[in-house]
């Protein structure tokens, strides 16, 4: 089970004890939870670099991992200064395809007053509207979470409140 942290400074402090050069820190989570923003901020505090998988995404397609330009991902991750903080949805699957291993993993959860805001998405209990924008992406993310369980296997779970 991941160690739960609710403040960015707590997370950075925890990483200082685990991140040595060369190190790769991965940030995974549901779409729109703030992975990229958190990744950039953490990389800056650690004196490293950040990379968002979305930079290698062929836009306007309905799936994610199959539309990543993996040669671009591999090149960027190989050349990026360390420590490197990489963020993206379906991160573990994408990195496995690029044959990149994480030293530390973080899963970001968007928390609301009722609990984990995206939990219904993972179980398929969220309302699905056939043909709606983003439906295939949500399905891909749901399958990824079932198969890879990034929310259970991360080293750290970061709660983004609000």
C-alpha atoms as a PDB file:
ATOM      1  CA  UNK A   1       0.000   0.000   0.000  1.00  0.00           C
ATOM      2  CA  UNK A   2       1.249   3.489  -0.833  1.00  0.00           C
ATOM      3  CA  UNK A   3       2.253   6.027   1.798  1.00  0.00           C
ATOM      4  CA  UNK A   4      -0.431   8.744   1.759  1.00  0.00           C
ATOM      5  CA  UNK A   5       0.738  12.368   1.671  1.00  0.00           C
ATOM      6  CA  UNK A   6      -1.513  15.421   1.487  1.00  0.00           C
ATOM      7  CA  UNK A   7       0.951  18.303   1.178  1.00  0.00           C
ATOM      8  CA  UNK A   8       3.406  18.846  -1.654  1.00  0.00           C
ATOM      9  CA  UNK A   9       6.212  19.719   0.767  1.00  0.00           C
ATOM     10  CA  UNK A  10       5.665  16.407   2.586  1.00  0.00           C
ATOM     11  CA  UNK A  11       6.043  14.629  -0.740  1.00  0.00           C
ATOM     12  CA  UNK A  12       9.184  16.554  -1.695  1.00  0.00           C
ATOM     13  CA  UNK A  13      10.670  15.853   1.744  1.00  0.00           C
ATOM     14  CA  UNK A  14       9.917  12.127   1.356  1.00  0.00           C
ATOM     15  CA  UNK A  15      11.530  12.106  -2.087  1.00  0.00           C
ATOM     16  CA  UNK A  16      14.747  13.755  -0.852  1.00  0.00           C
ATOM     17  CA  UNK A  17      15.468  10.580   1.078  1.00  0.00           C
ATOM     18  CA  UNK A  18      14.850   8.328  -1.943  1.00  0.00           C
ATOM     19  CA  UNK A  19      15.940  10.230  -5.021  1.00  0.00           C
ATOM     20  CA  UNK A  20      19.578  10.086  -5.995  1.00  0.00           C
ATOM     21  CA  UNK A  21      21.003  10.756  -9.409  1.00  0.00           C
ATOM     22  CA  UNK A  22      20.253   9.018 -11.675  1.00  0.00           C
ATOM     23  CA  UNK A  23      16.636   8.582 -10.613  1.00  0.00           C
ATOM     24  CA  UNK A  24      13.309   8.500 -12.374  1.00  0.00           C
ATOM     25  CA  UNK A  25      10.171   9.487 -10.469  1.00  0.00           C
ATOM     26  CA  UNK A  26       6.828   8.685 -12.090  1.00  0.00           C
ATOM     27  CA  UNK A  27       3.531  10.466 -11.475  1.00  0.00           C
ATOM     28  CA  UNK A  28       0.389   8.607 -12.517  1.00  0.00           C
ATOM     29  CA  UNK A  29      -3.301   9.248 -11.964  1.00  0.00           C
ATOM     30  CA  UNK A  30      -6.620   9.897 -13.618  1.00  0.00           C
ATOM     31  CA  UNK A  31      -6.790  12.503 -16.354  1.00  0.00           C
ATOM     32  CA  UNK A  32      -6.939  16.100 -15.137  1.00  0.00           C
ATOM     33  CA  UNK A  33      -5.772  15.537 -11.548  1.00  0.00           C
ATOM     34  CA  UNK A  34      -2.719  17.798 -11.794  1.00  0.00           C
ATOM     35  CA  UNK A  35       0.070  15.315 -12.561  1.00  0.00           C
ATOM     36  CA  UNK A  36       1.960  17.631 -14.912  1.00  0.00           C
ATOM     37  CA  UNK A  37       1.796  20.630 -12.578  1.00  0.00           C
ATOM     38  CA  UNK A  38       2.930  18.518  -9.630  1.00  0.00           C
ATOM     39  CA  UNK A  39       5.704  16.949 -11.719  1.00  0.00           C
ATOM     40  CA  UNK A  40       7.117  20.289 -12.832  1.00  0.00           C
ATOM     41  CA  UNK A  41       7.040  21.632  -9.285  1.00  0.00           C
ATOM     42  CA  UNK A  42       8.705  18.557  -7.779  1.00  0.00           C
ATOM     43  CA  UNK A  43      11.382  18.474 -10.492  1.00  0.00           C
ATOM     44  CA  UNK A  44      12.200  22.115  -9.812  1.00  0.00           C
ATOM     45  CA  UNK A  45      12.508  21.515  -6.070  1.00  0.00           C
ATOM     46  CA  UNK A  46      14.708  18.453  -6.618  1.00  0.00           C
ATOM     47  CA  UNK A  47      16.904  20.307  -9.108  1.00  0.00           C
ATOM     48  CA  UNK A  48      15.999  17.952 -11.925  1.00  0.00           C
ATOM     49  CA  UNK A  49      13.856  17.914 -15.035  1.00  0.00           C
ATOM     50  CA  UNK A  50      10.289  16.960 -15.884  1.00  0.00           C
ATOM     51  CA  UNK A  51       8.657  15.298 -18.869  1.00  0.00           C
ATOM     52  CA  UNK A  52       4.962  14.884 -19.635  1.00  0.00           C
ATOM     53  CA  UNK A  53       3.951  11.933 -21.815  1.00  0.00           C
ATOM     54  CA  UNK A  54       1.377  14.177 -23.496  1.00  0.00           C
ATOM     55  CA  UNK A  55       4.288  15.829 -25.337  1.00  0.00           C
ATOM     56  CA  UNK A  56       4.669  12.636 -27.393  1.00  0.00           C
ATOM     57  CA  UNK A  57       0.960  12.148 -28.011  1.00  0.00           C
ATOM     58  CA  UNK A  58      -0.509  12.248 -31.486  1.00  0.00           C
ATOM     59  CA  UNK A  59      -3.422  14.615 -30.851  1.00  0.00           C
ATOM     60  CA  UNK A  60      -7.107  14.262 -31.708  1.00  0.00           C
ATOM     61  CA  UNK A  61      -7.117  10.495 -31.465  1.00  0.00           C
ATOM     62  CA  UNK A  62      -9.375   8.632 -29.084  1.00  0.00           C
ATOM     63  CA  UNK A  63      -6.830   6.366 -27.390  1.00  0.00           C
ATOM     64  CA  UNK A  64      -3.720   7.227 -25.420  1.00  0.00           C
ATOM     65  CA  UNK A  65      -0.953   4.634 -25.126  1.00  0.00           C
ATOM     66  CA  UNK A  66      -1.233   3.362 -28.702  1.00  0.00           C
ATOM     67  CA  UNK A  67      -0.936   6.969 -29.930  1.00  0.00           C
ATOM     68  CA  UNK A  68       2.256   7.813 -28.053  1.00  0.00           C
ATOM     69  CA  UNK A  69       5.301   8.212 -30.248  1.00  0.00           C
ATOM     70  CA  UNK A  70       7.390   5.751 -28.241  1.00  0.00           C
ATOM     71  CA  UNK A  71      10.693   6.508 -29.989  1.00  0.00           C
ATOM     72  CA  UNK A  72      10.234  10.143 -28.952  1.00  0.00           C
ATOM     73  CA  UNK A  73       9.419   9.102 -25.369  1.00  0.00           C
ATOM     74  CA  UNK A  74      12.474   6.817 -25.175  1.00  0.00           C
ATOM     75  CA  UNK A  75      14.786   9.479 -26.583  1.00  0.00           C
ATOM     76  CA  UNK A  76      13.464  12.205 -24.280  1.00  0.00           C
ATOM     77  CA  UNK A  77      13.752  10.005 -21.197  1.00  0.00           C
ATOM     78  CA  UNK A  78      17.237   8.811 -22.102  1.00  0.00           C
ATOM     79  CA  UNK A  79      18.538  12.340 -22.668  1.00  0.00           C
ATOM     80  CA  UNK A  80      16.735  14.189 -19.845  1.00  0.00           C
ATOM     81  CA  UNK A  81      18.846  15.367 -16.892  1.00  0.00           C
ATOM     82  CA  UNK A  82      18.351  13.455 -13.655  1.00  0.00           C
ATOM     83  CA  UNK A  83      16.530  13.337 -11.390  1.00  0.00           C
ATOM     84  CA  UNK A  84      13.691  13.106 -13.896  1.00  0.00           C
ATOM     85  CA  UNK A  85      10.021  13.409 -12.965  1.00  0.00           C
ATOM     86  CA  UNK A  86       7.783  11.927 -15.661  1.00  0.00           C
ATOM     87  CA  UNK A  87       4.014  12.311 -15.605  1.00  0.00           C
ATOM     88  CA  UNK A  88       1.155  10.877 -17.605  1.00  0.00           C
ATOM     89  CA  UNK A  89      -1.906   8.696 -17.620  1.00  0.00           C
ATOM     90  CA  UNK A  90      -1.361   4.958 -18.101  1.00  0.00           C
ATOM     91  CA  UNK A  91       2.229   5.679 -17.108  1.00  0.00           C
ATOM     92  CA  UNK A  92       3.349   2.183 -16.109  1.00  0.00           C
ATOM     93  CA  UNK A  93       2.102   0.664 -19.349  1.00  0.00           C
ATOM     94  CA  UNK A  94       3.726   3.369 -21.469  1.00  0.00           C
ATOM     95  CA  UNK A  95       7.049   3.073 -19.647  1.00  0.00           C
ATOM     96  CA  UNK A  96       7.016  -0.722 -19.974  1.00  0.00           C
ATOM     97  CA  UNK A  97       6.669  -0.265 -23.735  1.00  0.00           C
ATOM     98  CA  UNK A  98       9.655   2.117 -23.660  1.00  0.00           C
ATOM     99  CA  UNK A  99      11.590  -0.297 -21.407  1.00  0.00           C
ATOM    100  CA  UNK A 100      12.000   2.396 -18.739  1.00  0.00           C
ATOM    101  CA  UNK A 101      11.775   1.535 -15.034  1.00  0.00           C
ATOM    102  CA  UNK A 102      10.803   3.920 -12.252  1.00  0.00           C
ATOM    103  CA  UNK A 103      12.811   4.346  -9.084  1.00  0.00           C
ATOM    104  CA  UNK A 104       9.869   5.962  -7.266  1.00  0.00           C
ATOM    105  CA  UNK A 105       6.180   6.059  -8.184  1.00  0.00           C
ATOM    106  CA  UNK A 106       3.502   8.536  -7.113  1.00  0.00           C
ATOM    107  CA  UNK A 107      -0.225   8.186  -7.716  1.00  0.00           C
ATOM    108  CA  UNK A 108      -2.260  11.416  -7.579  1.00  0.00           C
ATOM    109  CA  UNK A 109      -5.830  11.211  -6.304  1.00  0.00           C
ATOM    110  CA  UNK A 110      -8.307  14.071  -6.638  1.00  0.00           C
ATOM    111  CA  UNK A 111     -10.033  14.092  -3.261  1.00  0.00           C
ATOM    112  CA  UNK A 112     -13.428  15.640  -2.535  1.00  0.00           C
ATOM    113  CA  UNK A 113     -15.384  15.907   0.706  1.00  0.00           C
ATOM    114  CA  UNK A 114     -16.978  12.536  -0.085  1.00  0.00           C
ATOM    115  CA  UNK A 115     -13.639  10.781  -0.722  1.00  0.00           C
ATOM    116  CA  UNK A 116     -11.781   9.874  -3.901  1.00  0.00           C
ATOM    117  CA  UNK A 117     -13.494  11.872  -6.645  1.00  0.00           C
ATOM    118  CA  UNK A 118     -12.508   9.564  -9.527  1.00  0.00           C
ATOM    119  CA  UNK A 119     -13.136   6.209  -7.843  1.00  0.00           C
ATOM    120  CA  UNK A 120     -16.436   5.652  -9.667  1.00  0.00           C
ATOM    121  CA  UNK A 121     -14.590   6.068 -12.961  1.00  0.00           C
ATOM    122  CA  UNK A 122     -12.291   3.168 -12.095  1.00  0.00           C
ATOM    123  CA  UNK A 123     -15.095   0.804 -11.210  1.00  0.00           C
ATOM    124  CA  UNK A 124     -17.202   1.735 -14.215  1.00  0.00           C
ATOM    125  CA  UNK A 125     -19.962   3.116 -12.017  1.00  0.00           C
ATOM    126  CA  UNK A 126     -19.666   6.590 -13.494  1.00  0.00           C
ATOM    127  CA  UNK A 127     -22.305   7.517 -16.027  1.00  0.00           C
ATOM    128  CA  UNK A 128     -21.203   6.532 -19.523  1.00  0.00           C
ATOM    129  CA  UNK A 129     -22.798   8.133 -22.535  1.00  0.00           C
ATOM    130  CA  UNK A 130     -22.100   6.092 -25.688  1.00  0.00           C
ATOM    131  CA  UNK A 131     -20.295   8.196 -28.266  1.00  0.00           C
ATOM    132  CA  UNK A 132     -19.521  10.983 -25.802  1.00  0.00           C
ATOM    133  CA  UNK A 133     -16.212  12.781 -26.082  1.00  0.00           C
ATOM    134  CA  UNK A 134     -13.531  10.991 -24.095  1.00  0.00           C
ATOM    135  CA  UNK A 135     -15.461   7.747 -23.604  1.00  0.00           C
ATOM    136  CA  UNK A 136     -12.780   5.566 -25.232  1.00  0.00           C
ATOM    137  CA  UNK A 137     -10.042   7.261 -23.223  1.00  0.00           C
ATOM    138  CA  UNK A 138     -11.932   6.694 -19.957  1.00  0.00           C
ATOM    139  CA  UNK A 139     -12.421   3.048 -20.896  1.00  0.00           C
ATOM    140  CA  UNK A 140      -8.698   2.689 -21.688  1.00  0.00           C
ATOM    141  CA  UNK A 141      -7.813   4.252 -18.337  1.00  0.00           C
ATOM    142  CA  UNK A 142     -10.261   1.985 -16.503  1.00  0.00           C
ATOM    143  CA  UNK A 143      -8.741  -1.133 -18.106  1.00  0.00           C
ATOM    144  CA  UNK A 144      -5.252   0.165 -17.344  1.00  0.00           C
ATOM    145  CA  UNK A 145      -6.160   0.644 -13.673  1.00  0.00           C
ATOM    146  CA  UNK A 146      -7.624  -2.869 -13.484  1.00  0.00           C
ATOM    147  CA  UNK A 147      -4.584  -4.449 -15.142  1.00  0.00           C
ATOM    148  CA  UNK A 148      -1.718  -2.392 -13.688  1.00  0.00           C
ATOM    149  CA  UNK A 149      -3.282  -1.121 -10.410  1.00  0.00           C
ATOM    150  CA  UNK A 150      -1.112   2.008 -10.201  1.00  0.00           C
ATOM    151  CA  UNK A 151      -3.257   3.352  -7.359  1.00  0.00           C
ATOM    152  CA  UNK A 152      -2.396   0.304  -5.236  1.00  0.00           C
ATOM    153  CA  UNK A 153       1.216  -0.265  -6.273  1.00  0.00           C
ATOM    154  CA  UNK A 154       2.616   3.272  -6.018  1.00  0.00           C
ATOM    155  CA  UNK A 155       5.232   4.134  -3.422  1.00  0.00           C
ATOM    156  CA  UNK A 156       3.342   7.332  -2.571  1.00  0.00           C
ATOM    157  CA  UNK A 157      -0.247   8.439  -2.928  1.00  0.00           C
ATOM    158  CA  UNK A 158      -0.664  12.201  -3.162  1.00  0.00           C
ATOM    159  CA  UNK A 159      -4.075  13.646  -2.335  1.00  0.00           C
ATOM    160  CA  UNK A 160      -4.983  16.756  -4.302  1.00  0.00           C
ATOM    161  CA  UNK A 161      -7.776  18.331  -2.300  1.00  0.00           C
ATOM    162  CA  UNK A 162     -10.641  20.271  -3.805  1.00  0.00           C
END
